[in-house]
Amino acid sequence: MNEENKVTVIIDAANILRDDRGCIIRNKEGERQSQIRTERLQALIDEIKELGATPAAILRRGTYFAGKMKAEKDDPRFGDWSIIEEGIEQGIIHVVGDQDDESAIQLTLKKQHAILVSRDKFRDHQKKLSADEWAKLKGKIVSDFHFIDGELISPSLSDKVSQYNMQVVKTNLKSEKAAVVTTATLEQPTKAITNPLEKSDEEFDEMILLDELYAGLFTLSSDDNQFHMTELLAHLARELLGYEGLSSDFPSGWVNELKSFLCQILGGDLRPSTWIKQNLPAGFSVVGENVLLDD
């Protein structure tokens, strides 16, 4: 998946840099001192990349210059500032004016598949947004993150990225199908493609298979992200092999035919159910697996 088709995770960078939970430093009088934890921003960026999303950190100009100045001090409260400079050079960290919250909010609302990581409630911005915009924004915010031993822990971040990833691949799948149908119609207006095994590698590569898998999960899963393996296998057979109706109407041996189709593209000797489990996004679980065996 190229960068433009990935989920974007927008980071309220100043909010992360100032997050000192679990590592509070106090002066001799017991007063809590401010910190700039650059390593925490790096940990968040690394986690976003690991999840297959694109990080975009919005950093307030004032915080940038304050951190740059403090980076020259030998003080445990301030992290390695080269992390920030490298992030800017790589196009991951974006220094904006002091309206950083507004920039992050606008970018989050503008992008269809975007998430905003911040502990800020943004209540002071609510009156500037419509009711629909505010509801949309609240649904995109991830605030349940913590840092434990330098590692980012966030139960909902991975879930939200997985949900948006499925929406992205489903959108891409529709575009791919439209392009294939248009091409086939122009070149062979009276001849339908009846044997998918005759299609070229360019038409059905591994990415298209994953698109079909995620589209099936998006369509068939219940509210708790559970799905029936038989129903998902039948969905793949309809989309990839051209079958119609219920799985009980399919010809005998249809699962083996689906297996042959997958193996032709992926190589090896994988059962369809095994391939599904290997590529299952986090949070999904199968029920009723014993309804149909694909031996």
Protein backbone atom coordinates (compact mmCIF):
# COMPACT_ATOMS: atom_id res chain seq x y z
CA MET A 1 0.00 0.00 0.00
CA ASN A 2 1.60 3.31 -1.01
CA GLU A 3 1.79 6.30 1.33
CA GLU A 4 -1.17 8.16 -0.15
CA ASN A 5 -3.47 5.20 0.43
CA LYS A 6 -2.48 4.67 4.06
CA VAL A 7 -4.34 5.74 7.16
CA THR A 8 -2.93 9.02 8.52
CA VAL A 9 -2.33 9.30 12.26
CA ILE A 10 -2.07 12.98 13.18
CA ILE A 11 -0.11 13.68 16.35
CA ASP A 12 -0.58 16.61 18.70
CA ALA A 13 3.21 16.77 19.10
CA ALA A 14 3.39 19.35 21.88
CA ASN A 15 0.90 17.29 23.87
CA ILE A 16 3.11 14.20 23.57
CA LEU A 17 6.37 16.02 24.22
CA ARG A 18 4.98 17.47 27.44
CA ASP A 19 3.56 14.16 28.67
CA ASP A 20 5.56 13.29 31.81
CA ARG A 21 3.25 10.66 33.31
CA GLY A 22 5.33 8.01 35.05
CA CYS A 23 8.52 10.08 34.96
CA ILE A 24 7.62 13.19 36.97
CA ILE A 25 10.58 15.29 38.07
CA ARG A 26 10.27 17.62 41.08
CA ASN A 27 12.58 20.30 42.45
CA LYS A 28 13.80 20.47 46.03
CA GLU A 29 10.60 22.19 47.06
CA GLY A 30 8.55 19.31 45.68
CA GLU A 31 7.19 21.28 42.76
CA ARG A 32 6.55 19.43 39.53
CA GLN A 33 8.88 20.56 36.73
CA SER A 34 8.09 20.70 33.04
CA GLN A 35 9.75 18.28 30.64
CA ILE A 36 10.18 17.72 26.93
CA ARG A 37 10.19 13.97 26.29
CA THR A 38 11.37 13.63 22.68
CA GLU A 39 11.77 9.87 23.09
CA ARG A 40 8.04 9.54 23.70
CA LEU A 41 7.21 11.24 20.43
CA GLN A 42 9.65 8.89 18.70
CA ALA A 43 8.01 5.86 20.36
CA LEU A 44 4.60 6.98 19.09
CA ILE A 45 5.89 7.57 15.56
CA ASP A 46 7.54 4.13 15.54
CA GLU A 47 4.31 2.47 16.72
CA ILE A 48 2.26 4.20 14.01
CA LYS A 49 4.67 2.99 11.33
CA GLU A 50 4.56 -0.53 12.79
CA LEU A 51 0.77 -0.48 12.44
CA GLY A 52 1.14 0.36 8.74
CA ALA A 53 -0.11 3.94 8.99
CA THR A 54 1.47 7.29 8.13
CA PRO A 55 2.46 9.57 11.06
CA ALA A 56 2.01 13.34 10.74
CA ALA A 57 3.12 15.25 13.84
CA ILE A 58 1.89 18.84 14.16
CA LEU A 59 4.32 20.81 16.33
CA ARG A 60 3.63 24.32 17.64
CA ARG A 61 6.31 26.82 16.61
CA GLY A 62 6.67 28.06 20.17
CA THR A 63 7.28 24.54 21.49
CA TYR A 64 9.85 23.96 18.75
CA PHE A 65 11.97 26.98 19.63
CA ALA A 66 11.60 26.38 23.37
CA GLY A 67 12.79 22.83 22.96
CA LYS A 68 15.61 23.83 20.66
CA MET A 69 16.87 26.30 23.24
CA LYS A 70 16.59 23.84 26.15
CA ALA A 71 18.28 21.09 24.16
CA GLU A 72 21.59 22.84 24.74
CA LYS A 73 21.26 22.40 28.51
CA ASP A 74 22.60 19.38 30.33
CA ASP A 75 19.33 18.59 32.07
CA PRO A 76 17.55 15.21 32.40
CA ARG A 77 14.22 16.93 31.81
CA PHE A 78 14.97 17.47 28.13
CA GLY A 79 15.48 14.66 25.63
CA ASP A 80 17.56 14.27 22.50
CA TRP A 81 16.52 17.17 20.27
CA SER A 82 18.04 15.58 17.16
CA ILE A 83 14.92 13.36 17.11
CA ILE A 84 12.84 16.46 16.33
CA GLU A 85 15.23 17.83 13.71
CA GLU A 86 15.42 14.46 11.94
CA GLY A 87 11.64 14.16 11.99
CA ILE A 88 11.33 17.57 10.35
CA GLU A 89 13.87 16.64 7.67
CA GLN A 90 11.96 13.41 6.96
CA GLY A 91 8.66 15.28 6.57
CA ILE A 92 7.10 13.53 9.58
CA ILE A 93 7.09 16.51 11.96
CA HIS A 94 5.50 19.72 10.69
CA VAL A 95 6.20 22.99 12.53
CA VAL A 96 3.21 25.32 12.33
CA GLY A 97 2.20 28.61 13.93
CA ASP A 98 0.78 28.81 17.41
CA GLN A 99 -2.60 27.65 16.04
CA ASP A 100 -1.40 24.05 16.16
CA ASP A 101 -4.64 22.70 17.62
CA GLU A 102 -6.67 24.24 14.81
CA SER A 103 -4.25 22.80 12.24
CA ALA A 104 -4.50 19.31 13.72
CA ILE A 105 -8.30 19.47 13.92
CA GLN A 106 -8.71 20.73 10.35
CA LEU A 107 -6.36 18.09 8.97
CA THR A 108 -8.15 15.35 10.91
CA LEU A 109 -11.55 16.41 9.61
CA LYS A 110 -10.31 16.96 6.06
CA LYS A 111 -8.81 13.50 5.66
CA GLN A 112 -11.35 10.69 5.39
CA HIS A 113 -9.13 8.06 6.99
CA ALA A 114 -7.40 10.01 9.75
CA ILE A 115 -6.89 9.58 13.50
CA LEU A 116 -5.79 12.25 15.99
CA VAL A 117 -3.62 11.26 18.96
CA SER A 118 -3.88 13.70 21.84
CA ARG A 119 -4.94 13.94 25.49
CA ASP A 120 -6.44 17.37 24.78
CA LYS A 121 -10.25 17.42 25.00
CA PHE A 122 -10.40 20.37 22.54
CA ARG A 123 -13.50 21.68 24.30
CA ASP A 124 -12.47 25.26 23.53
CA HIS A 125 -12.78 24.43 19.84
CA GLN A 126 -16.22 22.84 20.06
CA LYS A 127 -18.09 26.11 19.51
CA LYS A 128 -16.15 26.67 16.27
CA LEU A 129 -17.38 23.39 14.78
CA SER A 130 -20.79 22.18 13.71
CA ALA A 131 -22.43 19.41 15.70
CA ASP A 132 -21.58 16.90 12.97
CA GLU A 133 -17.96 18.04 12.79
CA TRP A 134 -17.59 17.82 16.56
CA ALA A 135 -19.06 14.32 16.66
CA LYS A 136 -16.79 13.27 13.79
CA LEU A 137 -13.73 14.69 15.52
CA LYS A 138 -14.50 12.98 18.84
CA GLY A 139 -14.78 9.66 17.04
CA LYS A 140 -11.31 10.11 15.56
CA ILE A 141 -9.43 11.04 18.74
CA VAL A 142 -7.22 8.51 20.54
CA SER A 143 -6.41 9.56 24.11
CA ASP A 144 -5.99 6.26 25.96
CA PHE A 145 -2.23 6.00 25.53
CA HIS A 146 0.46 5.46 28.14
CA PHE A 147 4.21 4.97 28.13
CA ILE A 148 5.57 1.97 30.02
CA ASP A 149 9.32 1.31 30.02
CA GLY A 150 9.64 3.56 26.99
CA GLU A 151 6.98 1.67 25.01
CA LEU A 152 3.71 3.18 23.84
CA ILE A 153 0.62 1.34 25.07
CA SER A 154 -2.73 2.30 23.50
CA PRO A 155 -5.60 -0.21 23.30
CA SER A 156 -7.66 1.85 20.86
CA LEU A 157 -4.94 3.09 18.49
CA SER A 158 -4.35 -0.28 16.85
CA ASP A 159 -8.12 -0.93 16.72
CA LYS A 160 -8.84 2.37 15.00
CA VAL A 161 -6.00 1.92 12.50
CA SER A 162 -7.30 -1.57 11.66
CA GLN A 163 -10.84 -0.25 11.16
CA TYR A 164 -9.70 2.55 8.90
CA ASN A 165 -7.33 0.21 7.02
CA MET A 166 -10.32 -1.95 6.12
CA GLN A 167 -12.17 1.11 4.83
CA VAL A 168 -9.13 2.12 2.77
CA VAL A 169 -8.68 -1.28 1.14
CA LYS A 170 -12.41 -1.54 0.52
CA THR A 171 -12.32 1.82 -1.30
CA ASN A 172 -9.25 0.75 -3.25
CA LEU A 173 -10.91 -2.54 -4.12
CA LYS A 174 -13.90 -0.76 -5.63
CA SER A 175 -11.55 1.39 -7.71
CA GLU A 176 -9.61 -1.67 -8.88
CA LYS A 177 -12.82 -3.49 -9.82
CA ALA A 178 -14.15 -0.49 -11.72
CA ALA A 179 -10.90 -0.23 -13.67
CA VAL A 180 -10.92 -3.96 -14.53
CA VAL A 181 -14.57 -3.93 -15.58
CA THR A 182 -14.08 -0.83 -17.72
CA THR A 183 -11.05 -2.32 -19.46
CA ALA A 184 -12.78 -5.66 -20.06
CA THR A 185 -15.86 -3.91 -21.44
CA LEU A 186 -13.88 -1.77 -23.86
CA GLU A 187 -11.74 -4.62 -25.17
CA GLN A 188 -14.30 -7.43 -25.18
CA PRO A 189 -17.82 -5.91 -25.09
CA THR A 190 -19.61 -9.18 -25.83
CA LYS A 191 -17.36 -11.67 -24.07
CA ALA A 192 -17.54 -12.16 -20.30
CA ILE A 193 -14.58 -13.54 -18.36
CA THR A 194 -15.80 -16.88 -17.05
CA ASN A 195 -12.59 -18.46 -15.77
CA PRO A 196 -10.73 -16.34 -13.20
CA LEU A 197 -7.68 -18.62 -13.47
CA GLU A 198 -7.10 -17.15 -16.92
CA LYS A 199 -6.72 -13.64 -15.55
CA SER A 200 -3.25 -12.11 -15.61
CA ASP A 201 -1.02 -11.69 -12.57
CA GLU A 202 -1.47 -7.94 -12.89
CA GLU A 203 -5.21 -8.25 -12.30
CA PHE A 204 -5.10 -10.51 -9.25
CA ASP A 205 -1.99 -10.04 -7.15
CA GLU A 206 -1.65 -10.57 -3.44
CA MET A 207 -2.85 -7.06 -2.64
CA ILE A 208 -6.15 -7.66 -4.41
CA LEU A 209 -6.62 -10.87 -2.44
CA LEU A 210 -6.12 -8.95 0.79
CA ASP A 211 -8.55 -6.31 -0.42
CA GLU A 212 -11.17 -8.99 -0.89
CA LEU A 213 -10.43 -10.46 2.52
CA TYR A 214 -10.78 -7.12 4.31
CA ALA A 215 -13.88 -6.23 2.33
CA GLY A 216 -15.44 -9.54 3.38
CA LEU A 217 -14.57 -8.96 7.01
CA PHE A 218 -15.97 -5.43 6.86
CA THR A 219 -19.23 -6.73 5.42
CA LEU A 220 -19.73 -9.96 7.33
CA SER A 221 -18.41 -9.26 10.83
CA SER A 222 -20.76 -8.60 13.71
CA ASP A 223 -20.48 -5.61 16.04
CA ASP A 224 -17.96 -7.51 18.18
CA ASN A 225 -15.81 -8.28 15.09
CA GLN A 226 -16.69 -11.97 14.99
CA PHE A 227 -17.30 -13.76 11.70
CA HIS A 228 -18.16 -17.23 10.43
CA MET A 229 -15.36 -18.87 8.46
CA THR A 230 -17.82 -20.58 6.11
CA GLU A 231 -19.48 -17.27 5.22
CA LEU A 232 -16.12 -15.61 4.57
CA LEU A 233 -14.92 -18.50 2.40
CA ALA A 234 -18.16 -18.31 0.42
CA HIS A 235 -17.69 -14.54 0.01
CA LEU A 236 -14.20 -15.11 -1.43
CA ALA A 237 -15.53 -17.80 -3.76
CA ARG A 238 -18.19 -15.43 -5.09
CA GLU A 239 -15.75 -12.55 -5.60
CA LEU A 240 -12.78 -14.55 -6.93
CA LEU A 241 -14.41 -17.54 -8.65
CA GLY A 242 -17.63 -15.95 -9.82
CA TYR A 243 -20.00 -18.27 -7.93
CA GLU A 244 -23.52 -17.13 -7.17
CA GLY A 245 -26.07 -17.95 -4.50
CA LEU A 246 -25.54 -19.77 -1.23
CA SER A 247 -22.49 -21.91 -0.53
CA SER A 248 -24.83 -24.92 -0.59
CA ASP A 249 -25.49 -24.11 -4.25
CA PHE A 250 -21.79 -24.13 -5.17
CA PRO A 251 -20.42 -27.16 -7.06
CA SER A 252 -18.75 -29.93 -5.08
CA GLY A 253 -15.11 -29.22 -4.33
CA TRP A 254 -15.46 -25.45 -4.51
CA VAL A 255 -13.21 -24.92 -1.48
CA ASN A 256 -10.42 -26.89 -3.18
CA GLU A 257 -10.89 -24.72 -6.26
CA LEU A 258 -10.59 -21.64 -4.09
CA LYS A 259 -7.43 -23.12 -2.60
CA SER A 260 -5.96 -23.70 -6.07
CA PHE A 261 -6.76 -20.13 -7.03
CA LEU A 262 -5.05 -18.70 -3.93
CA CYS A 263 -2.01 -20.94 -4.27
CA GLN A 264 -1.58 -19.99 -7.91
CA ILE A 265 -1.06 -16.38 -6.81
CA LEU A 266 0.61 -16.87 -3.42
CA GLY A 267 2.57 -20.03 -4.09
CA GLY A 268 2.93 -22.78 -1.49
CA ASP A 269 0.15 -25.09 -0.32
CA LEU A 270 -2.02 -23.07 2.07
CA ARG A 271 -5.58 -23.89 3.00
CA PRO A 272 -7.85 -20.87 2.50
CA SER A 273 -8.78 -20.79 6.21
CA THR A 274 -5.09 -20.81 7.17
CA TRP A 275 -4.35 -17.89 4.84
CA ILE A 276 -7.29 -15.97 6.34
CA LYS A 277 -6.01 -16.49 9.89
CA GLN A 278 -2.50 -15.42 8.92
CA ASN A 279 -3.82 -12.13 7.52
CA LEU A 280 -6.54 -11.44 10.07
CA PRO A 281 -6.41 -7.85 11.41
CA ALA A 282 -6.15 -7.39 15.16
CA GLY A 283 -9.43 -7.61 17.04
CA PHE A 284 -11.20 -10.10 14.74
CA SER A 285 -12.14 -13.63 15.76
CA VAL A 286 -13.73 -16.57 13.98
CA VAL A 287 -16.82 -18.49 15.13
CA GLY A 288 -18.44 -21.57 13.63
CA GLU A 289 -15.18 -22.68 12.06
CA ASN A 290 -16.18 -26.36 12.10
CA VAL A 291 -19.11 -25.79 9.75
CA LEU A 292 -16.93 -26.39 6.71
CA LEU A 293 -13.51 -28.04 6.47
CA ASP A 294 -11.23 -27.01 3.63
CA ASP A 295 -8.97 -30.04 3.53
